[in-house]
Amino acid sequence: MSPSFQLVSESQWPELCEWDSLCFPGEAWNEKMLRTHLEFHAGYVWLETEVKGYALICETPWEVEIFRIATLPTYRKQGVAKSILAHLFSTFPNKDIFLEVKEQNLPAINLYKNMGFRILETRKNYYPDGSTAILMTRKP
């Protein structure tokens, strides 16, 4: 099966809760948060023979904010996040894209920089654990 980039289907919502717990231990969104996001915004999965990663986004007329982007642990370091980002860029070619990332997540920050994002600002004590968020943006 060739890779595909698909909207999260309602039947995948329970699995999304499991994926988020695997990808964000101790910081996973609960089922209500995920369902609310998907009722009002969008989620995409990167699918080959099975789901390897996902992104939760919010689209406005002028921009896209990536709320979550994750690769399931088994598939990390295989280019999944890079593929998801590339598909988001092609799905929304004329929109600014924003995301926030923990300051300590250097592999993600380096990926985002390599994919054309630049640092816009930092937000001290942004996350529940007190860590700093780096807000990054990519222009079309």
C-alpha atoms as a PDB file:
ATOM      1  CA  MET A   1       0.000   0.000   0.000  1.00  0.00           C
ATOM      2  CA  SER A   2       1.389   3.398  -0.930  1.00  0.00           C
ATOM      3  CA  PRO A   3       1.425   6.085   1.747  1.00  0.00           C
ATOM      4  CA  SER A   4      -1.591   8.342   2.055  1.00  0.00           C
ATOM      5  CA  PHE A   5      -2.553  11.459   3.949  1.00  0.00           C
ATOM      6  CA  GLN A   6      -6.186  11.313   5.065  1.00  0.00           C
ATOM      7  CA  LEU A   7      -8.581  13.166   7.296  1.00  0.00           C
ATOM      8  CA  VAL A   8      -9.138  11.410  10.616  1.00  0.00           C
ATOM      9  CA  SER A   9     -12.404   9.512  10.373  1.00  0.00           C
ATOM     10  CA  GLU A  10     -14.879   9.376  13.235  1.00  0.00           C
ATOM     11  CA  SER A  11     -14.200   5.637  13.529  1.00  0.00           C
ATOM     12  CA  GLN A  12     -10.539   6.479  14.318  1.00  0.00           C
ATOM     13  CA  TRP A  13     -11.342   8.765  17.256  1.00  0.00           C
ATOM     14  CA  PRO A  14     -10.872   6.048  19.924  1.00  0.00           C
ATOM     15  CA  GLU A  15      -7.532   5.057  18.351  1.00  0.00           C
ATOM     16  CA  LEU A  16      -6.476   8.707  18.288  1.00  0.00           C
ATOM     17  CA  CYS A  17      -6.747   8.735  22.090  1.00  0.00           C
ATOM     18  CA  GLU A  18      -4.381   5.760  22.247  1.00  0.00           C
ATOM     19  CA  TRP A  19      -1.961   7.322  19.756  1.00  0.00           C
ATOM     20  CA  ASP A  20      -1.895  10.600  21.673  1.00  0.00           C
ATOM     21  CA  SER A  21      -1.131   8.754  24.924  1.00  0.00           C
ATOM     22  CA  LEU A  22       1.753   6.930  23.231  1.00  0.00           C
ATOM     23  CA  CYS A  23       3.154  10.069  21.632  1.00  0.00           C
ATOM     24  CA  PHE A  24       2.653  12.496  24.513  1.00  0.00           C
ATOM     25  CA  PRO A  25       3.009  10.486  27.738  1.00  0.00           C
ATOM     26  CA  GLY A  26       1.806  12.522  30.682  1.00  0.00           C
ATOM     27  CA  GLU A  27       0.592  15.280  28.322  1.00  0.00           C
ATOM     28  CA  ALA A  28      -1.973  13.457  26.199  1.00  0.00           C
ATOM     29  CA  TRP A  29      -5.256  15.115  25.401  1.00  0.00           C
ATOM     30  CA  ASN A  30      -8.239  13.328  26.881  1.00  0.00           C
ATOM     31  CA  GLU A  31     -11.036  11.945  24.735  1.00  0.00           C
ATOM     32  CA  LYS A  32     -13.241  15.013  25.237  1.00  0.00           C
ATOM     33  CA  MET A  33     -10.440  17.360  24.143  1.00  0.00           C
ATOM     34  CA  LEU A  34      -9.731  15.286  21.036  1.00  0.00           C
ATOM     35  CA  ARG A  35     -13.409  14.951  20.098  1.00  0.00           C
ATOM     36  CA  THR A  36     -13.971  18.683  20.569  1.00  0.00           C
ATOM     37  CA  HIS A  37     -10.960  19.474  18.403  1.00  0.00           C
ATOM     38  CA  LEU A  38     -12.174  17.162  15.642  1.00  0.00           C
ATOM     39  CA  GLU A  39     -15.728  18.511  15.795  1.00  0.00           C
ATOM     40  CA  PHE A  40     -14.527  22.050  15.083  1.00  0.00           C
ATOM     41  CA  HIS A  41     -11.150  21.597  13.371  1.00  0.00           C
ATOM     42  CA  ALA A  42      -9.318  18.874  11.450  1.00  0.00           C
ATOM     43  CA  GLY A  43      -7.030  15.952  11.988  1.00  0.00           C
ATOM     44  CA  TYR A  44      -4.958  14.044   9.448  1.00  0.00           C
ATOM     45  CA  VAL A  45      -3.289  10.653   9.592  1.00  0.00           C
ATOM     46  CA  TRP A  46      -0.258   9.388   7.685  1.00  0.00           C
ATOM     47  CA  LEU A  47      -1.248   5.890   6.642  1.00  0.00           C
ATOM     48  CA  GLU A  48       0.738   3.147   4.977  1.00  0.00           C
ATOM     49  CA  THR A  49      -0.298  -0.371   5.966  1.00  0.00           C
ATOM     50  CA  GLU A  50      -1.253   1.229   9.287  1.00  0.00           C
ATOM     51  CA  VAL A  51      -1.256   4.686  10.823  1.00  0.00           C
ATOM     52  CA  LYS A  52       2.266   5.939  11.490  1.00  0.00           C
ATOM     53  CA  GLY A  53       1.569   9.507  12.561  1.00  0.00           C
ATOM     54  CA  TYR A  54      -0.984  12.283  12.733  1.00  0.00           C
ATOM     55  CA  ALA A  55      -1.517  16.019  12.863  1.00  0.00           C
ATOM     56  CA  LEU A  56      -4.285  18.036  14.473  1.00  0.00           C
ATOM     57  CA  ILE A  57      -4.754  21.447  12.923  1.00  0.00           C
ATOM     58  CA  CYS A  58      -6.919  24.538  12.966  1.00  0.00           C
ATOM     59  CA  GLU A  59      -7.441  26.280   9.638  1.00  0.00           C
ATOM     60  CA  THR A  60      -8.530  29.885   9.253  1.00  0.00           C
ATOM     61  CA  PRO A  61      -8.865  31.811   5.984  1.00  0.00           C
ATOM     62  CA  TRP A  62      -5.266  33.063   6.271  1.00  0.00           C
ATOM     63  CA  GLU A  63      -3.335  30.486   8.334  1.00  0.00           C
ATOM     64  CA  VAL A  64      -3.057  26.961   9.698  1.00  0.00           C
ATOM     65  CA  GLU A  65      -2.013  26.221  13.244  1.00  0.00           C
ATOM     66  CA  ILE A  66      -0.635  22.776  13.985  1.00  0.00           C
ATOM     67  CA  PHE A  67      -1.888  21.868  17.459  1.00  0.00           C
ATOM     68  CA  ARG A  68      -0.383  18.374  17.452  1.00  0.00           C
ATOM     69  CA  ILE A  69       2.006  16.589  15.128  1.00  0.00           C
ATOM     70  CA  ALA A  70       3.234  13.173  16.174  1.00  0.00           C
ATOM     71  CA  THR A  71       4.880  10.025  14.943  1.00  0.00           C
ATOM     72  CA  LEU A  72       3.955   6.805  16.693  1.00  0.00           C
ATOM     73  CA  PRO A  73       7.007   5.594  18.654  1.00  0.00           C
ATOM     74  CA  THR A  74       7.606   2.514  16.483  1.00  0.00           C
ATOM     75  CA  TYR A  75       8.001   4.682  13.371  1.00  0.00           C
ATOM     76  CA  ARG A  76      10.166   7.519  14.671  1.00  0.00           C
ATOM     77  CA  LYS A  77      13.295   8.499  12.737  1.00  0.00           C
ATOM     78  CA  GLN A  78      11.729   7.253   9.474  1.00  0.00           C
ATOM     79  CA  GLY A  79      10.633  10.588   7.993  1.00  0.00           C
ATOM     80  CA  VAL A  80       6.975  10.350   9.011  1.00  0.00           C
ATOM     81  CA  ALA A  81       6.754  13.854  10.533  1.00  0.00           C
ATOM     82  CA  LYS A  82       8.581  15.267   7.514  1.00  0.00           C
ATOM     83  CA  SER A  83       6.029  13.583   5.218  1.00  0.00           C
ATOM     84  CA  ILE A  84       3.127  14.913   7.274  1.00  0.00           C
ATOM     85  CA  LEU A  85       4.541  18.440   7.109  1.00  0.00           C
ATOM     86  CA  ALA A  86       5.133  18.167   3.351  1.00  0.00           C
ATOM     87  CA  HIS A  87       1.523  17.110   2.851  1.00  0.00           C
ATOM     88  CA  LEU A  88       0.254  19.955   5.024  1.00  0.00           C
ATOM     89  CA  PHE A  89       2.327  22.379   2.918  1.00  0.00           C
ATOM     90  CA  SER A  90       0.811  21.005  -0.288  1.00  0.00           C
ATOM     91  CA  THR A  91      -2.724  20.897   1.172  1.00  0.00           C
ATOM     92  CA  PHE A  92      -2.484  24.535   2.304  1.00  0.00           C
ATOM     93  CA  PRO A  93      -0.017  26.057  -0.178  1.00  0.00           C
ATOM     94  CA  ASN A  94      -1.005  29.700   0.302  1.00  0.00           C
ATOM     95  CA  LYS A  95      -1.294  29.852   4.083  1.00  0.00           C
ATOM     96  CA  ASP A  96       1.106  30.707   6.882  1.00  0.00           C
ATOM     97  CA  ILE A  97       1.627  27.720   9.173  1.00  0.00           C
ATOM     98  CA  PHE A  98       2.255  28.069  12.899  1.00  0.00           C
ATOM     99  CA  LEU A  99       3.175  25.612  15.631  1.00  0.00           C
ATOM    100  CA  GLU A 100       4.495  25.547  19.166  1.00  0.00           C
ATOM    101  CA  VAL A 101       7.194  23.180  20.357  1.00  0.00           C
ATOM    102  CA  LYS A 102       8.856  22.573  23.698  1.00  0.00           C
ATOM    103  CA  GLU A 103      12.220  24.274  23.925  1.00  0.00           C
ATOM    104  CA  GLN A 104      13.817  20.946  24.951  1.00  0.00           C
ATOM    105  CA  ASN A 105      12.541  19.110  21.858  1.00  0.00           C
ATOM    106  CA  LEU A 106      15.638  19.765  19.758  1.00  0.00           C
ATOM    107  CA  PRO A 107      14.992  17.031  17.151  1.00  0.00           C
ATOM    108  CA  ALA A 108      11.584  18.564  16.366  1.00  0.00           C
ATOM    109  CA  ILE A 109      12.961  22.113  16.316  1.00  0.00           C
ATOM    110  CA  ASN A 110      15.698  21.061  13.888  1.00  0.00           C
ATOM    111  CA  LEU A 111      13.146  19.300  11.662  1.00  0.00           C
ATOM    112  CA  TYR A 112      10.932  22.386  11.617  1.00  0.00           C
ATOM    113  CA  LYS A 113      13.867  24.650  10.766  1.00  0.00           C
ATOM    114  CA  ASN A 114      14.899  22.281   7.969  1.00  0.00           C
ATOM    115  CA  MET A 115      11.327  22.394   6.659  1.00  0.00           C
ATOM    116  CA  GLY A 116      11.367  26.197   6.446  1.00  0.00           C
ATOM    117  CA  PHE A 117       9.995  27.278   9.822  1.00  0.00           C
ATOM    118  CA  ARG A 118      11.575  30.160  11.705  1.00  0.00           C
ATOM    119  CA  ILE A 119      11.321  31.100  15.360  1.00  0.00           C
ATOM    120  CA  LEU A 120       8.783  33.835  15.967  1.00  0.00           C
ATOM    121  CA  GLU A 121       8.876  34.079  19.768  1.00  0.00           C
ATOM    122  CA  THR A 122       9.198  32.128  23.011  1.00  0.00           C
ATOM    123  CA  ARG A 123       6.604  31.701  25.736  1.00  0.00           C
ATOM    124  CA  LYS A 124       8.087  31.104  29.169  1.00  0.00           C
ATOM    125  CA  ASN A 125       6.290  28.698  31.522  1.00  0.00           C
ATOM    126  CA  TYR A 126       3.849  27.841  28.753  1.00  0.00           C
ATOM    127  CA  TYR A 127       3.449  24.123  29.383  1.00  0.00           C
ATOM    128  CA  PRO A 128       2.016  22.567  32.566  1.00  0.00           C
ATOM    129  CA  ASP A 129       5.489  21.331  33.544  1.00  0.00           C
ATOM    130  CA  GLY A 130       6.775  24.920  33.403  1.00  0.00           C
ATOM    131  CA  SER A 131       8.798  24.487  30.223  1.00  0.00           C
ATOM    132  CA  THR A 132       9.113  27.134  27.539  1.00  0.00           C
ATOM    133  CA  ALA A 133       7.303  26.981  24.209  1.00  0.00           C
ATOM    134  CA  ILE A 134       8.880  28.154  20.999  1.00  0.00           C
ATOM    135  CA  LEU A 135       6.395  29.567  18.509  1.00  0.00           C
ATOM    136  CA  MET A 136       7.489  28.888  14.948  1.00  0.00           C
ATOM    137  CA  THR A 137       6.046  29.965  11.624  1.00  0.00           C
ATOM    138  CA  ARG A 138       6.466  29.061   7.979  1.00  0.00           C
ATOM    139  CA  LYS A 139       5.393  31.401   5.207  1.00  0.00           C
ATOM    140  CA  PRO A 140       4.026  30.017   1.915  1.00  0.00           C
END
